[in-house]
Amino acid sequence: MPPLLRHFMSTSDDIKRNSHNIWLAGLGAFASIDQTGQAAFDQLVEKGQRLETENAAEKPSGADSKLDELKMKANQTMDRIERSFDLRVSSTLNRLGITSKADVDALNARINELNALVAQLRAELEP
């Protein structure tokens, strides 16, 4: 194999390995943040369930519709918080220089294109 081709193949493998490691580091960071957030959310749900059970007997008439309205508002608020959290995590990872999944996918696609070109060149060079 010509030295230039060997060097290119080695570099291509290094890029693939490094981009995958970067992706894994980002996933690890997100998982750490996600687990912490999930634990806090689970605690709030548990407290809410206890309050709901404790106060069920004291519920005045019309409370069901009010409760449904509050649940809807709480869900909307949680959706906004989740979107905000996702944006902040994404922004933080970007500032840290950790690539996004889309960046890694684009890089992998380009690597695959280059590998195909290398294979084509290799086929042309071999008798």
N, C-alpha and C. Protein backbone atom coordinates (compact mmCIF):
# COMPACT_ATOMS: atom_id res chain seq x y z
N MET A 1 0.86 -1.17 0.00
CA MET A 1 0.00 0.00 0.00
C MET A 1 0.91 1.24 0.00
N PRO A 2 0.59 2.22 -0.85
CA PRO A 2 1.41 3.44 -0.88
C PRO A 2 1.35 4.15 0.48
N PRO A 3 2.46 4.80 0.86
CA PRO A 3 2.53 5.46 2.18
C PRO A 3 1.43 6.51 2.38
N LEU A 4 1.14 7.27 1.34
CA LEU A 4 0.13 8.32 1.47
C LEU A 4 -1.24 7.70 1.77
N LEU A 5 -1.54 6.63 1.08
CA LEU A 5 -2.81 5.94 1.30
C LEU A 5 -2.87 5.35 2.71
N ARG A 6 -1.79 4.76 3.17
CA ARG A 6 -1.71 4.19 4.51
C ARG A 6 -1.92 5.29 5.56
N HIS A 7 -1.27 6.44 5.33
CA HIS A 7 -1.41 7.58 6.26
C HIS A 7 -2.87 8.05 6.30
N PHE A 8 -3.49 8.13 5.11
CA PHE A 8 -4.88 8.59 5.06
C PHE A 8 -5.80 7.63 5.80
N MET A 9 -5.61 6.34 5.61
CA MET A 9 -6.45 5.34 6.29
C MET A 9 -6.27 5.43 7.80
N SER A 10 -5.04 5.62 8.25
CA SER A 10 -4.76 5.74 9.68
C SER A 10 -5.42 6.99 10.24
N THR A 11 -5.30 8.10 9.52
CA THR A 11 -5.91 9.36 9.96
C THR A 11 -7.43 9.23 10.00
N SER A 12 -8.00 8.57 9.02
CA SER A 12 -9.44 8.36 8.98
C SER A 12 -9.91 7.58 10.20
N ASP A 13 -9.19 6.53 10.56
CA ASP A 13 -9.55 5.74 11.74
C ASP A 13 -9.43 6.58 13.01
N ASP A 14 -8.38 7.39 13.11
CA ASP A 14 -8.20 8.26 14.28
C ASP A 14 -9.35 9.24 14.42
N ILE A 15 -9.75 9.84 13.30
CA ILE A 15 -10.85 10.81 13.32
C ILE A 15 -12.13 10.13 13.79
N LYS A 16 -12.40 8.94 13.25
CA LYS A 16 -13.61 8.21 13.64
C LYS A 16 -13.60 7.90 15.13
N ARG A 17 -12.48 7.41 15.62
CA ARG A 17 -12.36 7.04 17.03
C ARG A 17 -12.51 8.28 17.92
N ASN A 18 -11.82 9.37 17.56
CA ASN A 18 -11.89 10.59 18.38
C ASN A 18 -13.28 11.21 18.36
N SER A 19 -13.92 11.23 17.20
CA SER A 19 -15.26 11.81 17.14
C SER A 19 -16.23 10.98 17.96
N HIS A 20 -16.06 9.68 17.96
CA HIS A 20 -16.93 8.82 18.77
C HIS A 20 -16.68 9.06 20.26
N ASN A 21 -15.42 9.21 20.65
CA ASN A 21 -15.10 9.49 22.06
C ASN A 21 -15.70 10.82 22.50
N ILE A 22 -15.65 11.82 21.62
CA ILE A 22 -16.24 13.12 21.94
C ILE A 22 -17.74 12.97 22.14
N TRP A 23 -18.37 12.22 21.26
CA TRP A 23 -19.81 11.98 21.38
C TRP A 23 -20.13 11.28 22.70
N LEU A 24 -19.33 10.27 23.05
CA LEU A 24 -19.56 9.54 24.31
C LEU A 24 -19.40 10.45 25.52
N ALA A 25 -18.42 11.35 25.48
CA ALA A 25 -18.23 12.29 26.58
C ALA A 25 -19.46 13.20 26.73
N GLY A 26 -19.99 13.65 25.61
CA GLY A 26 -21.20 14.48 25.64
C GLY A 26 -22.39 13.72 26.21
N LEU A 27 -22.54 12.47 25.79
CA LEU A 27 -23.62 11.65 26.33
C LEU A 27 -23.47 11.45 27.83
N GLY A 28 -22.23 11.23 28.27
CA GLY A 28 -21.98 11.06 29.70
C GLY A 28 -22.36 12.30 30.48
N ALA A 29 -22.00 13.47 29.95
CA ALA A 29 -22.34 14.73 30.62
C ALA A 29 -23.86 14.90 30.68
N PHE A 30 -24.51 14.62 29.57
CA PHE A 30 -25.97 14.76 29.54
C PHE A 30 -26.63 13.78 30.50
N ALA A 31 -26.14 12.55 30.54
CA ALA A 31 -26.71 11.53 31.44
C ALA A 31 -26.57 11.95 32.90
N SER A 32 -25.42 12.52 33.24
CA SER A 32 -25.21 12.97 34.62
C SER A 32 -26.21 14.05 34.99
N ILE A 33 -26.38 15.00 34.10
CA ILE A 33 -27.32 16.10 34.34
C ILE A 33 -28.74 15.56 34.36
N ASP A 34 -29.04 14.68 33.40
CA ASP A 34 -30.39 14.13 33.28
C ASP A 34 -30.76 13.31 34.52
N GLN A 35 -29.84 12.52 35.05
CA GLN A 35 -30.12 11.70 36.23
C GLN A 35 -30.40 12.58 37.44
N THR A 36 -29.62 13.62 37.62
CA THR A 36 -29.82 14.53 38.74
C THR A 36 -31.18 15.20 38.63
N GLY A 37 -31.49 15.70 37.44
CA GLY A 37 -32.78 16.35 37.21
C GLY A 37 -33.93 15.39 37.39
N GLN A 38 -33.76 14.16 36.94
CA GLN A 38 -34.82 13.16 37.06
C GLN A 38 -35.09 12.83 38.53
N ALA A 39 -34.04 12.74 39.33
CA ALA A 39 -34.21 12.43 40.75
C ALA A 39 -35.01 13.54 41.44
N ALA A 40 -34.69 14.78 41.13
CA ALA A 40 -35.42 15.91 41.72
C ALA A 40 -36.88 15.89 41.27
N PHE A 41 -37.10 15.63 39.99
CA PHE A 41 -38.46 15.56 39.46
C PHE A 41 -39.25 14.44 40.14
N ASP A 42 -38.63 13.28 40.30
CA ASP A 42 -39.29 12.14 40.95
C ASP A 42 -39.68 12.48 42.39
N GLN A 43 -38.82 13.19 43.11
CA GLN A 43 -39.13 13.60 44.49
C GLN A 43 -40.35 14.53 44.52
N LEU A 44 -40.40 15.46 43.56
CA LEU A 44 -41.54 16.38 43.51
C LEU A 44 -42.84 15.63 43.20
N VAL A 45 -42.77 14.68 42.29
CA VAL A 45 -43.96 13.88 41.97
C VAL A 45 -44.43 13.12 43.20
N GLU A 46 -43.50 12.52 43.92
CA GLU A 46 -43.84 11.76 45.13
C GLU A 46 -44.52 12.66 46.17
N LYS A 47 -43.98 13.85 46.38
CA LYS A 47 -44.58 14.79 47.34
C LYS A 47 -45.98 15.20 46.88
N GLY A 48 -46.12 15.44 45.59
CA GLY A 48 -47.43 15.80 45.04
C GLY A 48 -48.45 14.70 45.22
N GLN A 49 -48.03 13.46 45.02
CA GLN A 49 -48.94 12.32 45.21
C GLN A 49 -49.39 12.22 46.66
N ARG A 50 -48.44 12.43 47.58
CA ARG A 50 -48.80 12.39 49.01
C ARG A 50 -49.83 13.47 49.34
N LEU A 51 -49.59 14.68 48.86
CA LEU A 51 -50.52 15.78 49.13
C LEU A 51 -51.88 15.50 48.52
N GLU A 52 -51.89 14.98 47.31
CA GLU A 52 -53.15 14.69 46.64
C GLU A 52 -53.95 13.65 47.44
N THR A 53 -53.27 12.62 47.92
CA THR A 53 -53.92 11.57 48.71
C THR A 53 -54.43 12.13 50.04
N GLU A 54 -53.60 12.93 50.71
CA GLU A 54 -53.97 13.48 52.01
C GLU A 54 -55.17 14.43 51.90
N ASN A 55 -55.25 15.16 50.80
CA ASN A 55 -56.28 16.18 50.67
C ASN A 55 -57.50 15.71 49.89
N ALA A 56 -57.54 14.46 49.47
CA ALA A 56 -58.65 13.96 48.65
C ALA A 56 -59.98 14.06 49.40
N ALA A 57 -59.99 13.77 50.68
CA ALA A 57 -61.23 13.80 51.46
C ALA A 57 -61.76 15.21 51.65
N GLU A 58 -60.89 16.20 51.61
CA GLU A 58 -61.28 17.58 51.86
C GLU A 58 -61.62 18.34 50.58
N LYS A 59 -61.68 17.65 49.47
CA LYS A 59 -61.85 18.31 48.18
C LYS A 59 -63.26 18.91 48.05
N PRO A 60 -63.36 20.23 47.80
CA PRO A 60 -64.67 20.86 47.62
C PRO A 60 -65.23 20.58 46.22
N SER A 61 -66.52 20.86 46.03
CA SER A 61 -67.12 20.63 44.71
C SER A 61 -66.47 21.56 43.69
N GLY A 62 -66.34 21.08 42.47
CA GLY A 62 -65.69 21.86 41.41
C GLY A 62 -64.18 21.79 41.45
N ALA A 63 -63.66 21.06 42.41
CA ALA A 63 -62.20 20.98 42.54
C ALA A 63 -61.57 20.15 41.43
N ASP A 64 -62.34 19.18 40.90
CA ASP A 64 -61.78 18.34 39.84
C ASP A 64 -61.41 19.16 38.61
N SER A 65 -62.30 20.07 38.21
CA SER A 65 -62.00 20.88 37.03
C SER A 65 -60.82 21.82 37.31
N LYS A 66 -60.78 22.35 38.52
CA LYS A 66 -59.66 23.22 38.90
C LYS A 66 -58.36 22.41 38.93
N LEU A 67 -58.45 21.19 39.45
CA LEU A 67 -57.28 20.31 39.51
C LEU A 67 -56.79 19.98 38.10
N ASP A 68 -57.73 19.69 37.19
CA ASP A 68 -57.36 19.41 35.80
C ASP A 68 -56.67 20.61 35.17
N GLU A 69 -57.20 21.80 35.46
CA GLU A 69 -56.60 23.02 34.93
C GLU A 69 -55.18 23.20 35.48
N LEU A 70 -55.00 22.96 36.77
CA LEU A 70 -53.68 23.09 37.38
C LEU A 70 -52.70 22.06 36.81
N LYS A 71 -53.21 20.84 36.59
CA LYS A 71 -52.35 19.80 36.00
C LYS A 71 -51.90 20.21 34.60
N MET A 72 -52.83 20.76 33.82
CA MET A 72 -52.49 21.19 32.47
C MET A 72 -51.42 22.29 32.52
N LYS A 73 -51.62 23.26 33.41
CA LYS A 73 -50.63 24.33 33.54
C LYS A 73 -49.29 23.80 34.01
N ALA A 74 -49.32 22.84 34.93
CA ALA A 74 -48.07 22.24 35.42
C ALA A 74 -47.35 21.51 34.29
N ASN A 75 -48.11 20.79 33.46
CA ASN A 75 -47.50 20.09 32.32
C ASN A 75 -46.89 21.08 31.33
N GLN A 76 -47.60 22.18 31.08
CA GLN A 76 -47.06 23.19 30.18
C GLN A 76 -45.78 23.80 30.75
N THR A 77 -45.79 24.06 32.04
CA THR A 77 -44.60 24.61 32.70
C THR A 77 -43.44 23.63 32.62
N MET A 78 -43.72 22.36 32.87
CA MET A 78 -42.66 21.34 32.79
C MET A 78 -42.09 21.25 31.37
N ASP A 79 -42.97 21.36 30.37
CA ASP A 79 -42.50 21.34 28.98
C ASP A 79 -41.57 22.52 28.71
N ARG A 80 -41.95 23.70 29.20
CA ARG A 80 -41.09 24.88 29.01
C ARG A 80 -39.76 24.71 29.73
N ILE A 81 -39.81 24.18 30.95
CA ILE A 81 -38.57 23.96 31.72
C ILE A 81 -37.69 22.95 31.00
N GLU A 82 -38.29 21.89 30.49
CA GLU A 82 -37.52 20.86 29.79
C GLU A 82 -36.86 21.43 28.53
N ARG A 83 -37.61 22.23 27.76
CA ARG A 83 -37.03 22.84 26.56
C ARG A 83 -35.89 23.78 26.94
N SER A 84 -36.11 24.57 27.99
CA SER A 84 -35.06 25.49 28.46
C SER A 84 -33.84 24.72 28.92
N PHE A 85 -34.05 23.63 29.65
CA PHE A 85 -32.96 22.79 30.12
C PHE A 85 -32.18 22.21 28.95
N ASP A 86 -32.90 21.69 27.96
CA ASP A 86 -32.25 21.12 26.78
C ASP A 86 -31.40 22.17 26.07
N LEU A 87 -31.94 23.38 25.94
CA LEU A 87 -31.18 24.45 25.29
C LEU A 87 -29.93 24.80 26.08
N ARG A 88 -30.05 24.86 27.39
CA ARG A 88 -28.89 25.20 28.22
C ARG A 88 -27.83 24.11 28.17
N VAL A 89 -28.25 22.86 28.22
CA VAL A 89 -27.29 21.75 28.13
C VAL A 89 -26.59 21.80 26.78
N SER A 90 -27.36 21.98 25.73
CA SER A 90 -26.79 22.05 24.39
C SER A 90 -25.80 23.20 24.28
N SER A 91 -26.19 24.35 24.81
CA SER A 91 -25.32 25.53 24.77
C SER A 91 -24.04 25.30 25.58
N THR A 92 -24.18 24.69 26.75
CA THR A 92 -23.02 24.41 27.60
C THR A 92 -22.07 23.43 26.92
N LEU A 93 -22.62 22.37 26.37
CA LEU A 93 -21.79 21.38 25.67
C LEU A 93 -21.08 22.03 24.48
N ASN A 94 -21.79 22.92 23.79
CA ASN A 94 -21.19 23.62 22.65
C ASN A 94 -20.04 24.52 23.11
N ARG A 95 -20.24 25.25 24.23
CA ARG A 95 -19.18 26.11 24.76
C ARG A 95 -17.97 25.31 25.20
N LEU A 96 -18.21 24.10 25.69
CA LEU A 96 -17.11 23.23 26.12
C LEU A 96 -16.40 22.58 24.93
N GLY A 97 -16.94 22.81 23.75
CA GLY A 97 -16.32 22.23 22.56
C GLY A 97 -16.74 20.80 22.30
N ILE A 98 -17.79 20.35 22.96
CA ILE A 98 -18.28 18.99 22.76
C ILE A 98 -19.27 19.03 21.60
N THR A 99 -18.99 18.21 20.62
CA THR A 99 -19.81 18.24 19.41
C THR A 99 -21.18 17.63 19.65
N SER A 100 -22.11 18.03 18.81
CA SER A 100 -23.46 17.50 18.90
C SER A 100 -23.56 16.20 18.10
N LYS A 101 -24.65 15.49 18.28
CA LYS A 101 -24.86 14.26 17.53
C LYS A 101 -24.91 14.56 16.04
N ALA A 102 -25.52 15.68 15.67
CA ALA A 102 -25.60 16.06 14.26
C ALA A 102 -24.19 16.28 13.69
N ASP A 103 -23.31 16.92 14.47
CA ASP A 103 -21.93 17.13 14.03
C ASP A 103 -21.22 15.81 13.82
N VAL A 104 -21.39 14.90 14.76
CA VAL A 104 -20.74 13.59 14.67
C VAL A 104 -21.30 12.81 13.48
N ASP A 105 -22.62 12.88 13.28
CA ASP A 105 -23.22 12.19 12.14
C ASP A 105 -22.70 12.74 10.82
N ALA A 106 -22.57 14.08 10.73
CA ALA A 106 -22.04 14.70 9.51
C ALA A 106 -20.59 14.28 9.29
N LEU A 107 -19.82 14.26 10.35
CA LEU A 107 -18.42 13.85 10.25
C LEU A 107 -18.32 12.39 9.82
N ASN A 108 -19.14 11.54 10.40
CA ASN A 108 -19.13 10.12 10.01
C ASN A 108 -19.54 9.94 8.55
N ALA A 109 -20.50 10.72 8.08
CA ALA A 109 -20.91 10.65 6.68
C ALA A 109 -19.74 11.04 5.77
N ARG A 110 -19.05 12.10 6.15
CA ARG A 110 -17.90 12.55 5.35
C ARG A 110 -16.79 11.50 5.37
N ILE A 111 -16.55 10.90 6.52
CA ILE A 111 -15.53 9.85 6.62
C ILE A 111 -15.91 8.67 5.72
N ASN A 112 -17.18 8.32 5.72
CA ASN A 112 -17.63 7.22 4.85
C ASN A 112 -17.42 7.56 3.38
N GLU A 113 -17.69 8.81 3.00
CA GLU A 113 -17.43 9.25 1.62
C GLU A 113 -15.95 9.12 1.28
N LEU A 114 -15.11 9.59 2.19
CA LEU A 114 -13.67 9.53 1.95
C LEU A 114 -13.17 8.09 1.90
N ASN A 115 -13.72 7.23 2.74
CA ASN A 115 -13.34 5.81 2.70
C ASN A 115 -13.73 5.19 1.36
N ALA A 116 -14.89 5.57 0.84
CA ALA A 116 -15.31 5.06 -0.47
C ALA A 116 -14.35 5.54 -1.56
N LEU A 117 -13.93 6.80 -1.47
CA LEU A 117 -12.96 7.32 -2.45
C LEU A 117 -11.63 6.59 -2.34
N VAL A 118 -11.20 6.32 -1.14
CA VAL A 118 -9.95 5.59 -0.93
C VAL A 118 -10.06 4.19 -1.52
N ALA A 119 -11.19 3.54 -1.29
CA ALA A 119 -11.38 2.20 -1.85
C ALA A 119 -11.36 2.24 -3.37
N GLN A 120 -11.95 3.27 -3.93
CA GLN A 120 -11.95 3.43 -5.39
C GLN A 120 -10.53 3.65 -5.90
N LEU A 121 -9.77 4.51 -5.23
CA LEU A 121 -8.38 4.75 -5.62
C LEU A 121 -7.54 3.49 -5.47
N ARG A 122 -7.78 2.77 -4.40
CA ARG A 122 -7.05 1.53 -4.17
C ARG A 122 -7.33 0.53 -5.30
N ALA A 123 -8.59 0.44 -5.70
CA ALA A 123 -8.96 -0.47 -6.78
C ALA A 123 -8.31 -0.06 -8.10
N GLU A 124 -8.20 1.24 -8.33
CA GLU A 124 -7.57 1.73 -9.56
C GLU A 124 -6.07 1.49 -9.55
N LEU A 125 -5.44 1.53 -8.38
CA LEU A 125 -3.99 1.35 -8.28
C LEU A 125 -3.57 -0.11 -8.34
N GLU A 126 -4.43 -0.99 -7.88
CA GLU A 126 -4.08 -2.41 -7.87
C GLU A 126 -4.33 -3.00 -9.25
N PRO A 127 -3.41 -3.88 -9.69
CA PRO A 127 -3.57 -4.47 -11.04
C PRO A 127 -4.71 -5.46 -11.12
